[in-house]
Amino acid sequence: MRAHEFPVTMNRDQQLALLNEIHERRNIVIEGKFSSTLTKADKSKAWQEIWLWCTARAYPFVRDDRNYTWVRDTVWAYFKREFKVRLSAGQYIE
C-alpha cells in the first residue's frame, strides 16, 4: 500500500457516512479520556457498534477475518492521517 492510499475501496458517500457515524460517537471514541465513567470497555463497545453499523450496510471492508479493531486501527487511522496531511497543506483553511 502506498503512503496515503485508502486501505479499501469505498465511494465518497460511504466514507462520509462512516465519518458521520464515528462523529456521532466522538465523545467516546475520539475525545473520551479513560476515567471512572469512561472505560476501555465503553470505547470498545462504541467501536463494535460502528462495526455493526458497517456490517449492516455491507461496507466493502467487512470480512469474516476482521472485526471492530480493523475499523479503529486501519480505517480511522487513515482518516486521521489524511486530515492531518491536508490540514498541514492548508487544504482545510479558508
PDB file of N, CA and C in Angstrom:
ATOM      1  N   MET A   1       0.844  -1.175   0.000  1.00  0.00           N
ATOM      2  CA  MET A   1       0.000   0.000   0.000  1.00  0.00           C
ATOM      3  C   MET A   1       0.889   1.238   0.000  1.00  0.00           C
ATOM      4  N   ARG A   2       0.636   2.141  -0.929  1.00  0.00           N
ATOM      5  CA  ARG A   2       1.395   3.389  -0.993  1.00  0.00           C
ATOM      6  C   ARG A   2       1.001   4.283   0.167  1.00  0.00           C
ATOM      7  N   ALA A   3       1.857   5.249   0.450  1.00  0.00           N
ATOM      8  CA  ALA A   3       1.549   6.219   1.508  1.00  0.00           C
ATOM      9  C   ALA A   3       0.266   6.957   1.155  1.00  0.00           C
ATOM     10  N   HIS A   4      -0.593   7.095   2.101  1.00  0.00           N
ATOM     11  CA  HIS A   4      -1.849   7.829   1.979  1.00  0.00           C
ATOM     12  C   HIS A   4      -2.828   7.203   0.987  1.00  0.00           C
ATOM     13  N   GLU A   5      -2.707   5.920   0.770  1.00  0.00           N
ATOM     14  CA  GLU A   5      -3.652   5.209  -0.072  1.00  0.00           C
ATOM     15  C   GLU A   5      -4.717   4.618   0.839  1.00  0.00           C
ATOM     16  N   PHE A   6      -5.978   4.811   0.475  1.00  0.00           N
ATOM     17  CA  PHE A   6      -7.045   4.307   1.326  1.00  0.00           C
ATOM     18  C   PHE A   6      -6.971   2.788   1.375  1.00  0.00           C
ATOM     19  N   PRO A   7      -7.124   2.200   2.566  1.00  0.00           N
ATOM     20  CA  PRO A   7      -6.912   0.759   2.726  1.00  0.00           C
ATOM     21  C   PRO A   7      -7.959  -0.118   2.046  1.00  0.00           C
ATOM     22  N   VAL A   8      -9.089   0.429   1.670  1.00  0.00           N
ATOM     23  CA  VAL A   8     -10.130  -0.322   0.988  1.00  0.00           C
ATOM     24  C   VAL A   8     -10.800   0.589  -0.025  1.00  0.00           C
ATOM     25  N   THR A   9     -11.549  -0.011  -0.934  1.00  0.00           N
ATOM     26  CA  THR A   9     -12.285   0.776  -1.905  1.00  0.00           C
ATOM     27  C   THR A   9     -13.649   1.119  -1.329  1.00  0.00           C
ATOM     28  N   MET A  10     -13.856   2.396  -1.099  1.00  0.00           N
ATOM     29  CA  MET A  10     -15.154   2.900  -0.633  1.00  0.00           C
ATOM     30  C   MET A  10     -15.447   4.154  -1.437  1.00  0.00           C
ATOM     31  N   ASN A  11     -16.709   4.330  -1.806  1.00  0.00           N
ATOM     32  CA  ASN A  11     -17.022   5.560  -2.512  1.00  0.00           C
ATOM     33  C   ASN A  11     -17.120   6.717  -1.515  1.00  0.00           C
ATOM     34  N   ARG A  12     -17.173   7.910  -2.032  1.00  0.00           N
ATOM     35  CA  ARG A  12     -17.167   9.116  -1.194  1.00  0.00           C
ATOM     36  C   ARG A  12     -18.356   9.128  -0.230  1.00  0.00           C
ATOM     37  N   ASP A  13     -19.537   8.721  -0.699  1.00  0.00           N
ATOM     38  CA  ASP A  13     -20.721   8.696   0.168  1.00  0.00           C
ATOM     39  C   ASP A  13     -20.523   7.739   1.339  1.00  0.00           C
ATOM     40  N   GLN A  14     -19.925   6.572   1.073  1.00  0.00           N
ATOM     41  CA  GLN A  14     -19.658   5.619   2.143  1.00  0.00           C
ATOM     42  C   GLN A  14     -18.658   6.187   3.141  1.00  0.00           C
ATOM     43  N   GLN A  15     -17.622   6.850   2.632  1.00  0.00           N
ATOM     44  CA  GLN A  15     -16.637   7.450   3.528  1.00  0.00           C
ATOM     45  C   GLN A  15     -17.288   8.497   4.430  1.00  0.00           C
ATOM     46  N   LEU A  16     -18.095   9.371   3.833  1.00  0.00           N
ATOM     47  CA  LEU A  16     -18.740  10.432   4.616  1.00  0.00           C
ATOM     48  C   LEU A  16     -19.738   9.865   5.624  1.00  0.00           C
ATOM     49  N   ALA A  17     -20.483   8.839   5.222  1.00  0.00           N
ATOM     50  CA  ALA A  17     -21.433   8.219   6.143  1.00  0.00           C
ATOM     51  C   ALA A  17     -20.703   7.588   7.332  1.00  0.00           C
ATOM     52  N   LEU A  18     -19.587   6.921   7.055  1.00  0.00           N
ATOM     53  CA  LEU A  18     -18.811   6.312   8.133  1.00  0.00           C
ATOM     54  C   LEU A  18     -18.233   7.388   9.049  1.00  0.00           C
ATOM     55  N   LEU A  19     -17.708   8.449   8.478  1.00  0.00           N
ATOM     56  CA  LEU A  19     -17.189   9.549   9.299  1.00  0.00           C
ATOM     57  C   LEU A  19     -18.287  10.153  10.163  1.00  0.00           C
ATOM     58  N   ASN A  20     -19.479  10.276   9.615  1.00  0.00           N
ATOM     59  CA  ASN A  20     -20.606  10.789  10.416  1.00  0.00           C
ATOM     60  C   ASN A  20     -20.940   9.844  11.559  1.00  0.00           C
ATOM     61  N   GLU A  21     -20.883   8.547  11.287  1.00  0.00           N
ATOM     62  CA  GLU A  21     -21.169   7.560  12.333  1.00  0.00           C
ATOM     63  C   GLU A  21     -20.128   7.653  13.448  1.00  0.00           C
ATOM     64  N   ILE A  22     -18.875   7.794  13.082  1.00  0.00           N
ATOM     65  CA  ILE A  22     -17.815   7.964  14.078  1.00  0.00           C
ATOM     66  C   ILE A  22     -18.009   9.278  14.820  1.00  0.00           C
ATOM     67  N   HIS A  23     -18.354  10.315  14.083  1.00  0.00           N
ATOM     68  CA  HIS A  23     -18.559  11.635  14.690  1.00  0.00           C
ATOM     69  C   HIS A  23     -19.673  11.603  15.741  1.00  0.00           C
ATOM     70  N   GLU A  24     -20.726  10.834  15.488  1.00  0.00           N
ATOM     71  CA  GLU A  24     -21.826  10.726  16.455  1.00  0.00           C
ATOM     72  C   GLU A  24     -21.364  10.128  17.782  1.00  0.00           C
ATOM     73  N   ARG A  25     -20.288   9.353  17.733  1.00  0.00           N
ATOM     74  CA  ARG A  25     -19.760   8.731  18.952  1.00  0.00           C
ATOM     75  C   ARG A  25     -18.433   9.370  19.379  1.00  0.00           C
ATOM     76  N   ARG A  26     -18.161  10.554  18.879  1.00  0.00           N
ATOM     77  CA  ARG A  26     -16.861  11.204  19.101  1.00  0.00           C
ATOM     78  C   ARG A  26     -16.536  11.407  20.566  1.00  0.00           C
ATOM     79  N   ASN A  27     -17.549  11.647  21.409  1.00  0.00           N
ATOM     80  CA  ASN A  27     -17.285  11.860  22.833  1.00  0.00           C
ATOM     81  C   ASN A  27     -16.670  10.628  23.486  1.00  0.00           C
ATOM     82  N   ILE A  28     -16.934   9.469  22.897  1.00  0.00           N
ATOM     83  CA  ILE A  28     -16.384   8.228  23.447  1.00  0.00           C
ATOM     84  C   ILE A  28     -15.138   7.797  22.678  1.00  0.00           C
ATOM     85  N   VAL A  29     -15.246   7.676  21.353  1.00  0.00           N
ATOM     86  CA  VAL A  29     -14.160   7.071  20.584  1.00  0.00           C
ATOM     87  C   VAL A  29     -13.019   8.024  20.246  1.00  0.00           C
ATOM     88  N   ILE A  30     -13.276   9.319  20.205  1.00  0.00           N
ATOM     89  CA  ILE A  30     -12.231  10.267  19.813  1.00  0.00           C
ATOM     90  C   ILE A  30     -11.775  11.104  20.997  1.00  0.00           C
ATOM     91  N   GLU A  31     -12.705  11.814  21.600  1.00  0.00           N
ATOM     92  CA  GLU A  31     -12.361  12.787  22.631  1.00  0.00           C
ATOM     93  C   GLU A  31     -12.289  12.200  24.026  1.00  0.00           C
ATOM     94  N   GLY A  32     -12.930  11.066  24.218  1.00  0.00           N
ATOM     95  CA  GLY A  32     -13.037  10.499  25.553  1.00  0.00           C
ATOM     96  C   GLY A  32     -11.720  10.058  26.154  1.00  0.00           C
ATOM     97  N   LYS A  33     -11.481  10.481  27.359  1.00  0.00           N
ATOM     98  CA  LYS A  33     -10.306  10.053  28.119  1.00  0.00           C
ATOM     99  C   LYS A  33     -10.767   9.017  29.139  1.00  0.00           C
ATOM    100  N   PHE A  34      -9.943   7.993  29.337  1.00  0.00           N
ATOM    101  CA  PHE A  34     -10.312   6.963  30.307  1.00  0.00           C
ATOM    102  C   PHE A  34     -10.476   7.583  31.692  1.00  0.00           C
ATOM    103  N   SER A  35     -11.529   7.174  32.357  1.00  0.00           N
ATOM    104  CA  SER A  35     -11.799   7.674  33.707  1.00  0.00           C
ATOM    105  C   SER A  35     -12.691   6.657  34.403  1.00  0.00           C
ATOM    106  N   SER A  36     -13.184   7.031  35.568  1.00  0.00           N
ATOM    107  CA  SER A  36     -14.085   6.124  36.279  1.00  0.00           C
ATOM    108  C   SER A  36     -15.429   6.003  35.551  1.00  0.00           C
ATOM    109  N   THR A  37     -15.743   6.979  34.696  1.00  0.00           N
ATOM    110  CA  THR A  37     -17.019   6.928  33.975  1.00  0.00           C
ATOM    111  C   THR A  37     -16.868   6.489  32.517  1.00  0.00           C
ATOM    112  N   LEU A  38     -15.632   6.479  31.989  1.00  0.00           N
ATOM    113  CA  LEU A  38     -15.386   6.020  30.623  1.00  0.00           C
ATOM    114  C   LEU A  38     -14.247   5.006  30.652  1.00  0.00           C
ATOM    115  N   THR A  39     -14.602   3.775  30.364  1.00  0.00           N
ATOM    116  CA  THR A  39     -13.621   2.693  30.449  1.00  0.00           C
ATOM    117  C   THR A  39     -13.219   2.214  29.053  1.00  0.00           C
ATOM    118  N   LYS A  40     -12.197   1.383  29.018  1.00  0.00           N
ATOM    119  CA  LYS A  40     -11.779   0.763  27.765  1.00  0.00           C
ATOM    120  C   LYS A  40     -12.938  -0.047  27.170  1.00  0.00           C
ATOM    121  N   ALA A  41     -13.706  -0.683  28.027  1.00  0.00           N
ATOM    122  CA  ALA A  41     -14.868  -1.460  27.570  1.00  0.00           C
ATOM    123  C   ALA A  41     -15.895  -0.559  26.885  1.00  0.00           C
ATOM    124  N   ASP A  42     -16.077   0.653  27.405  1.00  0.00           N
ATOM    125  CA  ASP A  42     -17.011   1.604  26.786  1.00  0.00           C
ATOM    126  C   ASP A  42     -16.547   1.972  25.377  1.00  0.00           C
ATOM    127  N   LYS A  43     -15.246   2.250  25.247  1.00  0.00           N
ATOM    128  CA  LYS A  43     -14.703   2.600  23.932  1.00  0.00           C
ATOM    129  C   LYS A  43     -14.819   1.418  22.975  1.00  0.00           C
ATOM    130  N   SER A  44     -14.497   0.226  23.456  1.00  0.00           N
ATOM    131  CA  SER A  44     -14.602  -0.968  22.613  1.00  0.00           C
ATOM    132  C   SER A  44     -16.039  -1.184  22.158  1.00  0.00           C
ATOM    133  N   LYS A  45     -16.975  -0.986  23.072  1.00  0.00           N
ATOM    134  CA  LYS A  45     -18.393  -1.146  22.723  1.00  0.00           C
ATOM    135  C   LYS A  45     -18.805  -0.159  21.641  1.00  0.00           C
ATOM    136  N   ALA A  46     -18.346   1.089  21.727  1.00  0.00           N
ATOM    137  CA  ALA A  46     -18.682   2.098  20.719  1.00  0.00           C
ATOM    138  C   ALA A  46     -18.105   1.702  19.356  1.00  0.00           C
ATOM    139  N   TRP A  47     -16.864   1.209  19.333  1.00  0.00           N
ATOM    140  CA  TRP A  47     -16.278   0.766  18.064  1.00  0.00           C
ATOM    141  C   TRP A  47     -17.000  -0.470  17.531  1.00  0.00           C
ATOM    142  N   GLN A  48     -17.451  -1.357  18.417  1.00  0.00           N
ATOM    143  CA  GLN A  48     -18.224  -2.525  17.986  1.00  0.00           C
ATOM    144  C   GLN A  48     -19.543  -2.088  17.355  1.00  0.00           C
ATOM    145  N   GLU A  49     -20.165  -1.055  17.905  1.00  0.00           N
ATOM    146  CA  GLU A  49     -21.408  -0.531  17.327  1.00  0.00           C
ATOM    147  C   GLU A  49     -21.151   0.046  15.936  1.00  0.00           C
ATOM    148  N   ILE A  50     -20.026   0.717  15.774  1.00  0.00           N
ATOM    149  CA  ILE A  50     -19.669   1.238  14.452  1.00  0.00           C
ATOM    150  C   ILE A  50     -19.441   0.081  13.484  1.00  0.00           C
ATOM    151  N   TRP A  51     -18.758  -0.975  13.948  1.00  0.00           N
ATOM    152  CA  TRP A  51     -18.544  -2.157  13.111  1.00  0.00           C
ATOM    153  C   TRP A  51     -19.870  -2.786  12.702  1.00  0.00           C
ATOM    154  N   LEU A  52     -20.795  -2.927  13.627  1.00  0.00           N
ATOM    155  CA  LEU A  52     -22.113  -3.489  13.302  1.00  0.00           C
ATOM    156  C   LEU A  52     -22.850  -2.605  12.303  1.00  0.00           C
ATOM    157  N   TRP A  53     -22.712  -1.301  12.447  1.00  0.00           N
ATOM    158  CA  TRP A  53     -23.321  -0.348  11.510  1.00  0.00           C
ATOM    159  C   TRP A  53     -22.752  -0.587  10.111  1.00  0.00           C
ATOM    160  N   CYS A  54     -21.435  -0.757  10.002  1.00  0.00           N
ATOM    161  CA  CYS A  54     -20.784  -1.030   8.719  1.00  0.00           C
ATOM    162  C   CYS A  54     -21.234  -2.370   8.153  1.00  0.00           C
ATOM    163  N   THR A  55     -21.338  -3.357   9.022  1.00  0.00           N
ATOM    164  CA  THR A  55     -21.765  -4.693   8.597  1.00  0.00           C
ATOM    165  C   THR A  55     -23.186  -4.658   8.031  1.00  0.00           C
ATOM    166  N   ALA A  56     -24.071  -3.940   8.697  1.00  0.00           N
ATOM    167  CA  ALA A  56     -25.462  -3.847   8.246  1.00  0.00           C
ATOM    168  C   ALA A  56     -25.577  -3.173   6.878  1.00  0.00           C
ATOM    169  N   ARG A  57     -24.592  -2.361   6.535  1.00  0.00           N
ATOM    170  CA  ARG A  57     -24.599  -1.640   5.261  1.00  0.00           C
ATOM    171  C   ARG A  57     -23.661  -2.261   4.233  1.00  0.00           C
ATOM    172  N   ALA A  58     -23.154  -3.443   4.544  1.00  0.00           N
ATOM    173  CA  ALA A  58     -22.292  -4.218   3.642  1.00  0.00           C
ATOM    174  C   ALA A  58     -21.113  -3.396   3.123  1.00  0.00           C
ATOM    175  N   TYR A  59     -20.427  -2.743   4.034  1.00  0.00           N
ATOM    176  CA  TYR A  59     -19.226  -1.995   3.635  1.00  0.00           C
ATOM    177  C   TYR A  59     -18.193  -2.967   3.079  1.00  0.00           C
ATOM    178  N   PRO A  60     -17.416  -2.522   2.085  1.00  0.00           N
ATOM    179  CA  PRO A  60     -16.517  -3.453   1.387  1.00  0.00           C
ATOM    180  C   PRO A  60     -15.406  -4.047   2.247  1.00  0.00           C
ATOM    181  N   PHE A  61     -15.088  -3.443   3.375  1.00  0.00           N
ATOM    182  CA  PHE A  61     -14.022  -3.984   4.222  1.00  0.00           C
ATOM    183  C   PHE A  61     -14.521  -5.006   5.229  1.00  0.00           C
ATOM    184  N   VAL A  62     -15.815  -5.213   5.304  1.00  0.00           N
ATOM    185  CA  VAL A  62     -16.368  -6.182   6.249  1.00  0.00           C
ATOM    186  C   VAL A  62     -16.096  -7.589   5.714  1.00  0.00           C
ATOM    187  N   ARG A  63     -15.304  -8.326   6.481  1.00  0.00           N
ATOM    188  CA  ARG A  63     -14.981  -9.710   6.142  1.00  0.00           C
ATOM    189  C   ARG A  63     -14.979 -10.520   7.421  1.00  0.00           C
ATOM    190  N   ASP A  64     -15.055 -11.833   7.277  1.00  0.00           N
ATOM    191  CA  ASP A  64     -15.085 -12.720   8.440  1.00  0.00           C
ATOM    192  C   ASP A  64     -13.814 -12.659   9.280  1.00  0.00           C
ATOM    193  N   ASP A  65     -12.684 -12.334   8.646  1.00  0.00           N
ATOM    194  CA  ASP A  65     -11.424 -12.321   9.378  1.00  0.00           C
ATOM    195  C   ASP A  65     -11.119 -10.956  10.018  1.00  0.00           C
ATOM    196  N   ARG A  66     -12.063 -10.038   9.985  1.00  0.00           N
ATOM    197  CA  ARG A  66     -11.878  -8.711  10.585  1.00  0.00           C
ATOM    198  C   ARG A  66     -12.956  -8.457  11.632  1.00  0.00           C
ATOM    199  N   ASN A  67     -12.666  -7.476  12.497  1.00  0.00           N
ATOM    200  CA  ASN A  67     -13.653  -7.067  13.483  1.00  0.00           C
ATOM    201  C   ASN A  67     -13.545  -5.563  13.714  1.00  0.00           C
ATOM    202  N   TYR A  68     -14.143  -5.082  14.772  1.00  0.00           N
ATOM    203  CA  TYR A  68     -14.185  -3.642  15.017  1.00  0.00           C
ATOM    204  C   TYR A  68     -12.803  -3.011  15.124  1.00  0.00           C
ATOM    205  N   THR A  69     -11.807  -3.786  15.530  1.00  0.00           N
ATOM    206  CA  THR A  69     -10.475  -3.203  15.667  1.00  0.00           C
ATOM    207  C   THR A  69      -9.900  -2.797  14.311  1.00  0.00           C
ATOM    208  N   TRP A  70     -10.339  -3.443  13.237  1.00  0.00           N
ATOM    209  CA  TRP A  70      -9.855  -3.091  11.911  1.00  0.00           C
ATOM    210  C   TRP A  70     -10.351  -1.699  11.519  1.00  0.00           C
ATOM    211  N   VAL A  71     -11.598  -1.391  11.832  1.00  0.00           N
ATOM    212  CA  VAL A  71     -12.114  -0.047  11.547  1.00  0.00           C
ATOM    213  C   VAL A  71     -11.350   0.976  12.372  1.00  0.00           C
ATOM    214  N   ARG A  72     -11.160   0.684  13.634  1.00  0.00           N
ATOM    215  CA  ARG A  72     -10.469   1.606  14.541  1.00  0.00           C
ATOM    216  C   ARG A  72      -9.009   1.794  14.148  1.00  0.00           C
ATOM    217  N   ASP A  73      -8.306   0.698  13.912  1.00  0.00           N
ATOM    218  CA  ASP A  73      -6.860   0.758  13.726  1.00  0.00           C
ATOM    219  C   ASP A  73      -6.422   1.015  12.285  1.00  0.00           C
ATOM    220  N   THR A  74      -7.261   0.735  11.326  1.00  0.00           N
ATOM    221  CA  THR A  74      -6.878   0.906   9.925  1.00  0.00           C
ATOM    222  C   THR A  74      -7.653   2.035   9.259  1.00  0.00           C
ATOM    223  N   VAL A  75      -8.969   1.931   9.246  1.00  0.00           N
ATOM    224  CA  VAL A  75      -9.779   2.932   8.547  1.00  0.00           C
ATOM    225  C   VAL A  75      -9.733   4.275   9.271  1.00  0.00           C
ATOM    226  N   TRP A  76      -9.987   4.274  10.576  1.00  0.00           N
ATOM    227  CA  TRP A  76      -9.962   5.528  11.321  1.00  0.00           C
ATOM    228  C   TRP A  76      -8.555   6.128  11.314  1.00  0.00           C
ATOM    229  N   ALA A  77      -7.538   5.294  11.423  1.00  0.00           N
ATOM    230  CA  ALA A  77      -6.161   5.791  11.385  1.00  0.00           C
ATOM    231  C   ALA A  77      -5.873   6.479  10.050  1.00  0.00           C
ATOM    232  N   TYR A  78      -6.396   5.922   8.965  1.00  0.00           N
ATOM    233  CA  TYR A  78      -6.226   6.546   7.647  1.00  0.00           C
ATOM    234  C   TYR A  78      -6.893   7.919   7.621  1.00  0.00           C
ATOM    235  N   PHE A  79      -8.139   7.985   8.084  1.00  0.00           N
ATOM    236  CA  PHE A  79      -8.853   9.267   8.077  1.00  0.00           C
ATOM    237  C   PHE A  79      -8.098  10.324   8.889  1.00  0.00           C
ATOM    238  N   LYS A  80      -7.610   9.953  10.058  1.00  0.00           N
ATOM    239  CA  LYS A  80      -6.865  10.905  10.900  1.00  0.00           C
ATOM    240  C   LYS A  80      -5.597  11.374  10.189  1.00  0.00           C
ATOM    241  N   ARG A  81      -4.866  10.440   9.614  1.00  0.00           N
ATOM    242  CA  ARG A  81      -3.615  10.776   8.934  1.00  0.00           C
ATOM    243  C   ARG A  81      -3.884  11.698   7.745  1.00  0.00           C
ATOM    244  N   GLU A  82      -4.892  11.375   6.940  1.00  0.00           N
ATOM    245  CA  GLU A  82      -5.230  12.198   5.784  1.00  0.00           C
ATOM    246  C   GLU A  82      -5.637  13.603   6.199  1.00  0.00           C
ATOM    247  N   PHE A  83      -6.415  13.714   7.254  1.00  0.00           N
ATOM    248  CA  PHE A  83      -6.847  15.022   7.727  1.00  0.00           C
ATOM    249  C   PHE A  83      -5.637  15.859   8.139  1.00  0.00           C
ATOM    250  N   LYS A  84      -4.710  15.250   8.862  1.00  0.00           N
ATOM    251  CA  LYS A  84      -3.515  15.976   9.299  1.00  0.00           C
ATOM    252  C   LYS A  84      -2.673  16.428   8.113  1.00  0.00           C
ATOM    253  N   VAL A  85      -2.532  15.580   7.112  1.00  0.00           N
ATOM    254  CA  VAL A  85      -1.761  15.928   5.915  1.00  0.00           C
ATOM    255  C   VAL A  85      -2.424  17.093   5.188  1.00  0.00           C
ATOM    256  N   ARG A  86      -3.722  17.007   5.007  1.00  0.00           N
ATOM    257  CA  ARG A  86      -4.435  18.075   4.294  1.00  0.00           C
ATOM    258  C   ARG A  86      -4.460  19.361   5.093  1.00  0.00           C
ATOM    259  N   LEU A  87      -4.596  19.241   6.400  1.00  0.00           N
ATOM    260  CA  LEU A  87      -4.590  20.426   7.244  1.00  0.00           C
ATOM    261  C   LEU A  87      -3.230  21.119   7.171  1.00  0.00           C
ATOM    262  N   SER A  88      -2.163  20.347   7.242  1.00  0.00           N
ATOM    263  CA  SER A  88      -0.825  20.944   7.179  1.00  0.00           C
ATOM    264  C   SER A  88      -0.545  21.528   5.784  1.00  0.00           C
ATOM    265  N   ALA A  89      -1.209  21.022   4.748  1.00  0.00           N
ATOM    266  CA  ALA A  89      -1.049  21.566   3.405  1.00  0.00           C
ATOM    267  C   ALA A  89      -1.954  22.769   3.174  1.00  0.00           C
ATOM    268  N   GLY A  90      -2.767  23.114   4.170  1.00  0.00           N
ATOM    269  CA  GLY A  90      -3.650  24.269   4.064  1.00  0.00           C
ATOM    270  C   GLY A  90      -4.919  24.016   3.289  1.00  0.00           C
ATOM    271  N   GLN A  91      -5.265  22.755   3.051  1.00  0.00           N
ATOM    272  CA  GLN A  91      -6.450  22.452   2.264  1.00  0.00           C
ATOM    273  C   GLN A  91      -7.750  22.691   3.020  1.00  0.00           C
ATOM    274  N   TYR A  92      -7.711  22.756   4.350  1.00  0.00           N
ATOM    275  CA  TYR A  92      -8.933  22.961   5.108  1.00  0.00           C
ATOM    276  C   TYR A  92      -8.998  24.353   5.732  1.00  0.00           C
ATOM    277  N   ILE A  93      -8.094  25.205   5.327  1.00  0.00           N
ATOM    278  CA  ILE A  93      -8.056  26.562   5.876  1.00  0.00           C
ATOM    279  C   ILE A  93      -8.612  27.513   4.826  1.00  0.00           C
ATOM    280  N   GLU A  94      -9.559  28.337   5.231  1.00  0.00           N
ATOM    281  CA  GLU A  94     -10.157  29.285   4.276  1.00  0.00           C
ATOM    282  C   GLU A  94      -9.498  30.625   4.382  1.00  0.00           C
TER     283      GLU A  94
END
